[in-house]
All heavy atoms as atom14 arrays in JSON, in Angstrom:
{
  "sequence": "FTGLTMGWFRQAPGKEREFVAGINWSGGSTYYADSL",
  "atom14_mask": [
    [1, 1, 1, 1, 1, 1, 1, 1, 1, 1, 1, 0, 0, 0],
    [1, 1, 1, 1, 1, 1, 1, 0, 0, 0, 0, 0, 0, 0],
    [1, 1, 1, 1, 0, 0, 0, 0, 0, 0, 0, 0, 0, 0],
    [1, 1, 1, 1, 1, 1, 1, 1, 0, 0, 0, 0, 0, 0],
    [1, 1, 1, 1, 1, 1, 1, 0, 0, 0, 0, 0, 0, 0],
    [1, 1, 1, 1, 1, 1, 1, 1, 0, 0, 0, 0, 0, 0],
    [1, 1, 1, 1, 0, 0, 0, 0, 0, 0, 0, 0, 0, 0],
    [1, 1, 1, 1, 1, 1, 1, 1, 1, 1, 1, 1, 1, 1],
    [1, 1, 1, 1, 1, 1, 1, 1, 1, 1, 1, 0, 0, 0],
    [1, 1, 1, 1, 1, 1, 1, 1, 1, 1, 1, 0, 0, 0],
    [1, 1, 1, 1, 1, 1, 1, 1, 1, 0, 0, 0, 0, 0],
    [1, 1, 1, 1, 1, 0, 0, 0, 0, 0, 0, 0, 0, 0],
    [1, 1, 1, 1, 1, 1, 1, 0, 0, 0, 0, 0, 0, 0],
    [1, 1, 1, 1, 0, 0, 0, 0, 0, 0, 0, 0, 0, 0],
    [1, 1, 1, 1, 1, 1, 1, 1, 1, 0, 0, 0, 0, 0],
    [1, 1, 1, 1, 1, 1, 1, 1, 1, 0, 0, 0, 0, 0],
    [1, 1, 1, 1, 1, 1, 1, 1, 1, 1, 1, 0, 0, 0],
    [1, 1, 1, 1, 1, 1, 1, 1, 1, 0, 0, 0, 0, 0],
    [1, 1, 1, 1, 1, 1, 1, 1, 1, 1, 1, 0, 0, 0],
    [1, 1, 1, 1, 1, 1, 1, 0, 0, 0, 0, 0, 0, 0],
    [1, 1, 1, 1, 1, 0, 0, 0, 0, 0, 0, 0, 0, 0],
    [1, 1, 1, 1, 0, 0, 0, 0, 0, 0, 0, 0, 0, 0],
    [1, 1, 1, 1, 1, 1, 1, 1, 0, 0, 0, 0, 0, 0],
    [1, 1, 1, 1, 1, 1, 1, 1, 0, 0, 0, 0, 0, 0],
    [1, 1, 1, 1, 1, 1, 1, 1, 1, 1, 1, 1, 1, 1],
    [1, 1, 1, 1, 1, 1, 0, 0, 0, 0, 0, 0, 0, 0],
    [1, 1, 1, 1, 0, 0, 0, 0, 0, 0, 0, 0, 0, 0],
    [1, 1, 1, 1, 0, 0, 0, 0, 0, 0, 0, 0, 0, 0],
    [1, 1, 1, 1, 1, 1, 0, 0, 0, 0, 0, 0, 0, 0],
    [1, 1, 1, 1, 1, 1, 1, 0, 0, 0, 0, 0, 0, 0],
    [1, 1, 1, 1, 1, 1, 1, 1, 1, 1, 1, 1, 0, 0],
    [1, 1, 1, 1, 1, 1, 1, 1, 1, 1, 1, 1, 0, 0],
    [1, 1, 1, 1, 1, 0, 0, 0, 0, 0, 0, 0, 0, 0],
    [1, 1, 1, 1, 1, 1, 1, 1, 0, 0, 0, 0, 0, 0],
    [1, 1, 1, 1, 1, 1, 0, 0, 0, 0, 0, 0, 0, 0],
    [1, 1, 1, 1, 1, 1, 1, 1, 0, 0, 0, 0, 0, 0]
  ],
  "atom14_positions": [
    [[30.79, 65.49, -111.24], [31.08, 65.16, -112.63], [29.85, 65.1, -113.51], [29.95, 64.73, -114.69], [31.88, 63.86, -112.68], [33.27, 64.04, -112.18], [33.56, 63.89, -110.84], [34.29, 64.38, -113.05], [34.84, 64.09, -110.36], [35.57, 64.58, -112.58], [35.85, 64.43, -111.24], [0.0, 0.0, 0.0], [0.0, 0.0, 0.0], [0.0, 0.0, 0.0]],
    [[28.71, 65.45, -112.95], [27.51, 65.53, -113.75], [27.7, 66.55, -114.88], [28.13, 67.68, -114.65], [26.31, 65.94, -112.89], [26.14, 64.98, -111.85], [25.04, 66.0, -113.72], [0.0, 0.0, 0.0], [0.0, 0.0, 0.0], [0.0, 0.0, 0.0], [0.0, 0.0, 0.0], [0.0, 0.0, 0.0], [0.0, 0.0, 0.0], [0.0, 0.0, 0.0]],
    [[27.39, 66.13, -116.08], [27.49, 67.02, -117.22], [28.88, 67.15, -117.82], [29.09, 67.96, -118.72], [0.0, 0.0, 0.0], [0.0, 0.0, 0.0], [0.0, 0.0, 0.0], [0.0, 0.0, 0.0], [0.0, 0.0, 0.0], [0.0, 0.0, 0.0], [0.0, 0.0, 0.0], [0.0, 0.0, 0.0], [0.0, 0.0, 0.0], [0.0, 0.0, 0.0]],
    [[29.83, 66.35, -117.34], [31.2, 66.44, -117.81], [31.53, 65.35, -118.81], [31.01, 64.24, -118.74], [32.18, 66.35, -116.65], [32.11, 67.44, -115.57], [33.2, 67.19, -114.55], [32.25, 68.82, -116.19], [0.0, 0.0, 0.0], [0.0, 0.0, 0.0], [0.0, 0.0, 0.0], [0.0, 0.0, 0.0], [0.0, 0.0, 0.0], [0.0, 0.0, 0.0]],
    [[32.43, 65.7, -119.7], [33.08, 64.74, -120.56], [34.51, 64.54, -120.09], [35.21, 65.51, -119.81], [33.08, 65.22, -122.02], [31.74, 65.24, -122.51], [33.92, 64.31, -122.9], [0.0, 0.0, 0.0], [0.0, 0.0, 0.0], [0.0, 0.0, 0.0], [0.0, 0.0, 0.0], [0.0, 0.0, 0.0], [0.0, 0.0, 0.0], [0.0, 0.0, 0.0]],
    [[34.92, 63.3, -119.99], [36.31, 62.99, -119.68], [36.92, 62.31, -120.89], [36.29, 61.44, -121.5], [36.42, 62.09, -118.46], [35.84, 62.73, -117.21], [36.13, 61.78, -115.7], [37.9, 62.03, -115.5], [0.0, 0.0, 0.0], [0.0, 0.0, 0.0], [0.0, 0.0, 0.0], [0.0, 0.0, 0.0], [0.0, 0.0, 0.0], [0.0, 0.0, 0.0]],
    [[38.12, 62.71, -121.22], [38.76, 62.19, -122.41], [40.21, 61.86, -122.19], [40.85, 62.34, -121.26], [0.0, 0.0, 0.0], [0.0, 0.0, 0.0], [0.0, 0.0, 0.0], [0.0, 0.0, 0.0], [0.0, 0.0, 0.0], [0.0, 0.0, 0.0], [0.0, 0.0, 0.0], [0.0, 0.0, 0.0], [0.0, 0.0, 0.0], [0.0, 0.0, 0.0]],
    [[40.71, 61.02, -123.07], [42.13, 60.72, -123.15], [42.66, 61.26, -124.47], [42.06, 61.05, -125.53], [42.39, 59.22, -123.08], [42.2, 58.63, -121.72], [41.11, 57.98, -121.24], [43.17, 58.61, -120.67], [41.33, 57.57, -119.95], [42.58, 57.94, -119.57], [44.48, 59.1, -120.55], [43.26, 57.75, -118.36], [45.14, 58.91, -119.35], [44.53, 58.25, -118.28]],
    [[43.79, 61.93, -124.37], [44.53, 62.4, -125.52], [45.95, 61.87, -125.43], [46.41, 61.45, -124.37], [44.56, 63.93, -125.57], [43.24, 64.56, -125.9], [42.24, 64.67, -124.95], [43.01, 65.08, -127.16], [41.02, 65.26, -125.25], [41.81, 65.68, -127.49], [40.81, 65.77, -126.53], [0.0, 0.0, 0.0], [0.0, 0.0, 0.0], [0.0, 0.0, 0.0]],
    [[46.65, 61.93, -126.55], [48.06, 61.58, -126.53], [48.84, 62.51, -127.43], [48.29, 63.09, -128.37], [48.28, 60.12, -126.95], [47.93, 59.82, -128.39], [48.05, 58.33, -128.66], [47.85, 58.0, -130.06], [47.85, 56.77, -130.54], [48.05, 55.72, -129.73], [47.66, 56.56, -131.83], [0.0, 0.0, 0.0], [0.0, 0.0, 0.0], [0.0, 0.0, 0.0]],
    [[50.11, 62.65, -127.13], [50.97, 63.52, -127.9], [52.35, 62.9, -128.02], [53.03, 62.7, -127.01], [51.06, 64.91, -127.28], [51.77, 65.93, -128.15], [51.54, 67.35, -127.68], [51.23, 67.59, -126.51], [51.67, 68.3, -128.59], [0.0, 0.0, 0.0], [0.0, 0.0, 0.0], [0.0, 0.0, 0.0], [0.0, 0.0, 0.0], [0.0, 0.0, 0.0]],
    [[52.73, 62.62, -129.24], [54.06, 62.12, -129.53], [54.98, 63.28, -129.85], [54.53, 64.36, -130.25], [54.01, 61.14, -130.7], [0.0, 0.0, 0.0], [0.0, 0.0, 0.0], [0.0, 0.0, 0.0], [0.0, 0.0, 0.0], [0.0, 0.0, 0.0], [0.0, 0.0, 0.0], [0.0, 0.0, 0.0], [0.0, 0.0, 0.0], [0.0, 0.0, 0.0]],
    [[56.29, 63.11, -129.7], [57.23, 64.2, -130.01], [57.04, 64.72, -131.43], [56.97, 63.94, -132.38], [58.59, 63.54, -129.83], [58.36, 62.45, -128.84], [56.99, 61.92, -129.18], [0.0, 0.0, 0.0], [0.0, 0.0, 0.0], [0.0, 0.0, 0.0], [0.0, 0.0, 0.0], [0.0, 0.0, 0.0], [0.0, 0.0, 0.0], [0.0, 0.0, 0.0]],
    [[56.95, 66.03, -131.55], [56.81, 66.65, -132.85], [55.43, 66.58, -133.47], [55.25, 67.02, -134.6], [0.0, 0.0, 0.0], [0.0, 0.0, 0.0], [0.0, 0.0, 0.0], [0.0, 0.0, 0.0], [0.0, 0.0, 0.0], [0.0, 0.0, 0.0], [0.0, 0.0, 0.0], [0.0, 0.0, 0.0], [0.0, 0.0, 0.0], [0.0, 0.0, 0.0]],
    [[54.46, 66.05, -132.75], [53.11, 65.91, -133.27], [52.12, 66.66, -132.39], [52.39, 66.94, -131.24], [52.71, 64.44, -133.36], [53.58, 63.61, -134.29], [53.14, 62.16, -134.33], [51.77, 61.99, -134.96], [51.39, 60.55, -135.07], [0.0, 0.0, 0.0], [0.0, 0.0, 0.0], [0.0, 0.0, 0.0], [0.0, 0.0, 0.0], [0.0, 0.0, 0.0]],
    [[50.97, 66.97, -132.98], [49.92, 67.62, -132.23], [49.24, 66.64, -131.29], [49.27, 65.42, -131.49], [48.89, 68.24, -133.18], [49.42, 69.4, -134.0], [48.34, 70.09, -134.8], [47.27, 69.48, -135.0], [48.56, 71.23, -135.23], [0.0, 0.0, 0.0], [0.0, 0.0, 0.0], [0.0, 0.0, 0.0], [0.0, 0.0, 0.0], [0.0, 0.0, 0.0]],
    [[48.61, 67.2, -130.29], [47.85, 66.38, -129.36], [46.67, 65.73, -130.09], [45.93, 66.39, -130.82], [47.38, 67.22, -128.19], [46.91, 66.41, -127.0], [46.89, 67.27, -125.73], [48.23, 67.7, -125.36], [48.52, 68.34, -124.24], [47.56, 68.62, -123.36], [49.77, 68.71, -123.98], [0.0, 0.0, 0.0], [0.0, 0.0, 0.0], [0.0, 0.0, 0.0]],
    [[46.49, 64.45, -129.87], [45.54, 63.64, -130.61], [44.5, 63.03, -129.68], [44.85, 62.46, -128.64], [46.3, 62.53, -131.36], [45.44, 61.51, -132.07], [46.23, 60.33, -132.57], [47.35, 60.09, -132.05], [45.77, 59.65, -133.49], [0.0, 0.0, 0.0], [0.0, 0.0, 0.0], [0.0, 0.0, 0.0], [0.0, 0.0, 0.0], [0.0, 0.0, 0.0]],
    [[43.25, 63.12, -130.06], [42.18, 62.5, -129.29], [42.29, 60.99, -129.36], [42.53, 60.41, -130.43], [40.82, 62.95, -129.82], [39.66, 62.3, -129.14], [39.21, 62.77, -127.91], [39.01, 61.22, -129.7], [38.13, 62.18, -127.27], [37.94, 60.62, -129.08], [37.51, 61.1, -127.86], [0.0, 0.0, 0.0], [0.0, 0.0, 0.0], [0.0, 0.0, 0.0]],
    [[42.08, 60.34, -128.23], [42.12, 58.89, -128.14], [40.73, 58.32, -127.87], [40.22, 57.5, -128.63], [43.1, 58.43, -127.06], [43.03, 56.92, -126.87], [44.52, 58.87, -127.4], [0.0, 0.0, 0.0], [0.0, 0.0, 0.0], [0.0, 0.0, 0.0], [0.0, 0.0, 0.0], [0.0, 0.0, 0.0], [0.0, 0.0, 0.0], [0.0, 0.0, 0.0]],
    [[40.12, 58.74, -126.78], [38.82, 58.22, -126.38], [38.18, 59.16, -125.38], [38.88, 59.88, -124.66], [38.95, 56.82, -125.77], [0.0, 0.0, 0.0], [0.0, 0.0, 0.0], [0.0, 0.0, 0.0], [0.0, 0.0, 0.0], [0.0, 0.0, 0.0], [0.0, 0.0, 0.0], [0.0, 0.0, 0.0], [0.0, 0.0, 0.0], [0.0, 0.0, 0.0]],
    [[36.85, 59.14, -125.32], [36.14, 59.98, -124.38], [34.92, 59.28, -123.82], [34.41, 58.32, -124.41], [0.0, 0.0, 0.0], [0.0, 0.0, 0.0], [0.0, 0.0, 0.0], [0.0, 0.0, 0.0], [0.0, 0.0, 0.0], [0.0, 0.0, 0.0], [0.0, 0.0, 0.0], [0.0, 0.0, 0.0], [0.0, 0.0, 0.0], [0.0, 0.0, 0.0]],
    [[34.45, 59.77, -122.69], [33.27, 59.22, -122.05], [32.52, 60.35, -121.37], [33.12, 61.21, -120.72], [33.63, 58.09, -121.06], [32.38, 57.43, -120.48], [34.54, 58.6, -119.94], [32.68, 56.13, -119.76], [0.0, 0.0, 0.0], [0.0, 0.0, 0.0], [0.0, 0.0, 0.0], [0.0, 0.0, 0.0], [0.0, 0.0, 0.0], [0.0, 0.0, 0.0]],
    [[31.2, 60.36, -121.52], [30.37, 61.3, -120.79], [30.04, 60.7, -119.44], [29.57, 59.56, -119.35], [29.08, 61.6, -121.56], [29.33, 62.48, -122.76], [30.24, 63.3, -122.76], [28.5, 62.33, -123.79], [0.0, 0.0, 0.0], [0.0, 0.0, 0.0], [0.0, 0.0, 0.0], [0.0, 0.0, 0.0], [0.0, 0.0, 0.0], [0.0, 0.0, 0.0]],
    [[30.29, 61.47, -118.38], [30.21, 60.92, -117.05], [28.82, 60.43, -116.68], [28.65, 59.34, -116.16], [30.7, 61.94, -116.02], [30.9, 61.33, -114.69], [30.08, 61.41, -113.61], [32.01, 60.51, -114.3], [30.59, 60.69, -112.57], [31.79, 60.13, -112.96], [33.16, 60.07, -114.95], [32.68, 59.33, -112.26], [34.05, 59.26, -114.26], [33.8, 58.91, -112.93]],
    [[27.82, 61.24, -116.97], [26.47, 60.89, -116.54], [25.85, 59.77, -117.36], [25.34, 58.8, -116.82], [25.57, 62.14, -116.6], [25.99, 63.11, -115.67], [0.0, 0.0, 0.0], [0.0, 0.0, 0.0], [0.0, 0.0, 0.0], [0.0, 0.0, 0.0], [0.0, 0.0, 0.0], [0.0, 0.0, 0.0], [0.0, 0.0, 0.0], [0.0, 0.0, 0.0]],
    [[25.89, 59.9, -118.66], [25.24, 58.93, -119.51], [26.09, 57.72, -119.86], [25.55, 56.66, -120.19], [0.0, 0.0, 0.0], [0.0, 0.0, 0.0], [0.0, 0.0, 0.0], [0.0, 0.0, 0.0], [0.0, 0.0, 0.0], [0.0, 0.0, 0.0], [0.0, 0.0, 0.0], [0.0, 0.0, 0.0], [0.0, 0.0, 0.0], [0.0, 0.0, 0.0]],
    [[27.41, 57.89, -119.79], [28.29, 56.79, -120.07], [28.57, 56.54, -121.54], [29.24, 55.55, -121.87], [0.0, 0.0, 0.0], [0.0, 0.0, 0.0], [0.0, 0.0, 0.0], [0.0, 0.0, 0.0], [0.0, 0.0, 0.0], [0.0, 0.0, 0.0], [0.0, 0.0, 0.0], [0.0, 0.0, 0.0], [0.0, 0.0, 0.0], [0.0, 0.0, 0.0]],
    [[28.08, 57.4, -122.41], [28.36, 57.23, -123.83], [29.85, 57.43, -124.08], [30.51, 58.21, -123.4], [27.53, 58.18, -124.67], [27.78, 59.53, -124.32], [0.0, 0.0, 0.0], [0.0, 0.0, 0.0], [0.0, 0.0, 0.0], [0.0, 0.0, 0.0], [0.0, 0.0, 0.0], [0.0, 0.0, 0.0], [0.0, 0.0, 0.0], [0.0, 0.0, 0.0]],
    [[30.36, 56.72, -125.05], [31.79, 56.74, -125.35], [32.03, 57.05, -126.82], [31.14, 56.89, -127.67], [32.45, 55.4, -125.01], [31.82, 54.35, -125.76], [32.31, 55.09, -123.52], [0.0, 0.0, 0.0], [0.0, 0.0, 0.0], [0.0, 0.0, 0.0], [0.0, 0.0, 0.0], [0.0, 0.0, 0.0], [0.0, 0.0, 0.0], [0.0, 0.0, 0.0]],
    [[33.24, 57.46, -127.09], [33.65, 57.77, -128.45], [35.13, 57.48, -128.56], [35.9, 57.77, -127.65], [33.36, 59.24, -128.77], [33.62, 59.61, -130.2], [32.67, 59.34, -131.18], [34.8, 60.25, -130.58], [32.9, 59.69, -132.5], [35.03, 60.6, -131.89], [34.07, 60.31, -132.85], [34.29, 60.66, -134.16], [0.0, 0.0, 0.0], [0.0, 0.0, 0.0]],
    [[35.52, 56.92, -129.71], [36.9, 56.52, -129.92], [37.44, 57.07, -131.23], [36.7, 57.21, -132.21], [37.03, 55.0, -129.97], [36.65, 54.31, -128.68], [35.35, 53.9, -128.45], [37.6, 54.08, -127.7], [35.0, 53.27, -127.27], [37.28, 53.45, -126.52], [35.97, 53.05, -126.31], [35.64, 52.42, -125.13], [0.0, 0.0, 0.0], [0.0, 0.0, 0.0]],
    [[38.72, 57.35, -131.24], [39.39, 57.61, -132.5], [39.27, 56.37, -133.38], [39.43, 55.24, -132.91], [40.85, 57.96, -132.27], [0.0, 0.0, 0.0], [0.0, 0.0, 0.0], [0.0, 0.0, 0.0], [0.0, 0.0, 0.0], [0.0, 0.0, 0.0], [0.0, 0.0, 0.0], [0.0, 0.0, 0.0], [0.0, 0.0, 0.0], [0.0, 0.0, 0.0]],
    [[38.96, 56.6, -134.65], [38.72, 55.47, -135.55], [39.89, 54.5, -135.6], [39.7, 53.28, -135.67], [38.42, 55.98, -136.96], [37.05, 56.64, -137.07], [36.2, 56.41, -136.19], [36.84, 57.38, -138.05], [0.0, 0.0, 0.0], [0.0, 0.0, 0.0], [0.0, 0.0, 0.0], [0.0, 0.0, 0.0], [0.0, 0.0, 0.0], [0.0, 0.0, 0.0]],
    [[41.09, 55.02, -135.56], [42.27, 54.18, -135.68], [42.5, 53.31, -134.46], [43.27, 52.34, -134.52], [43.5, 55.03, -135.95], [43.75, 55.92, -134.88], [0.0, 0.0, 0.0], [0.0, 0.0, 0.0], [0.0, 0.0, 0.0], [0.0, 0.0, 0.0], [0.0, 0.0, 0.0], [0.0, 0.0, 0.0], [0.0, 0.0, 0.0], [0.0, 0.0, 0.0]],
    [[41.87, 53.64, -133.35], [42.11, 52.94, -132.09], [40.94, 52.07, -131.65], [41.1, 51.23, -130.75], [42.42, 53.94, -130.98], [43.61, 54.87, -131.24], [43.74, 55.88, -130.12], [44.89, 54.06, -131.41], [0.0, 0.0, 0.0], [0.0, 0.0, 0.0], [0.0, 0.0, 0.0], [0.0, 0.0, 0.0], [0.0, 0.0, 0.0], [0.0, 0.0, 0.0]]
  ]
}
């Protein structure tokens, strides 16, 4: 998993897939959707 980003997305019926949160495996930096 070196060099990988892992993320969570979600998709509600009738809506596009939406980014929720992500983390870089090696460094551990994270990012979140503003609303969440």
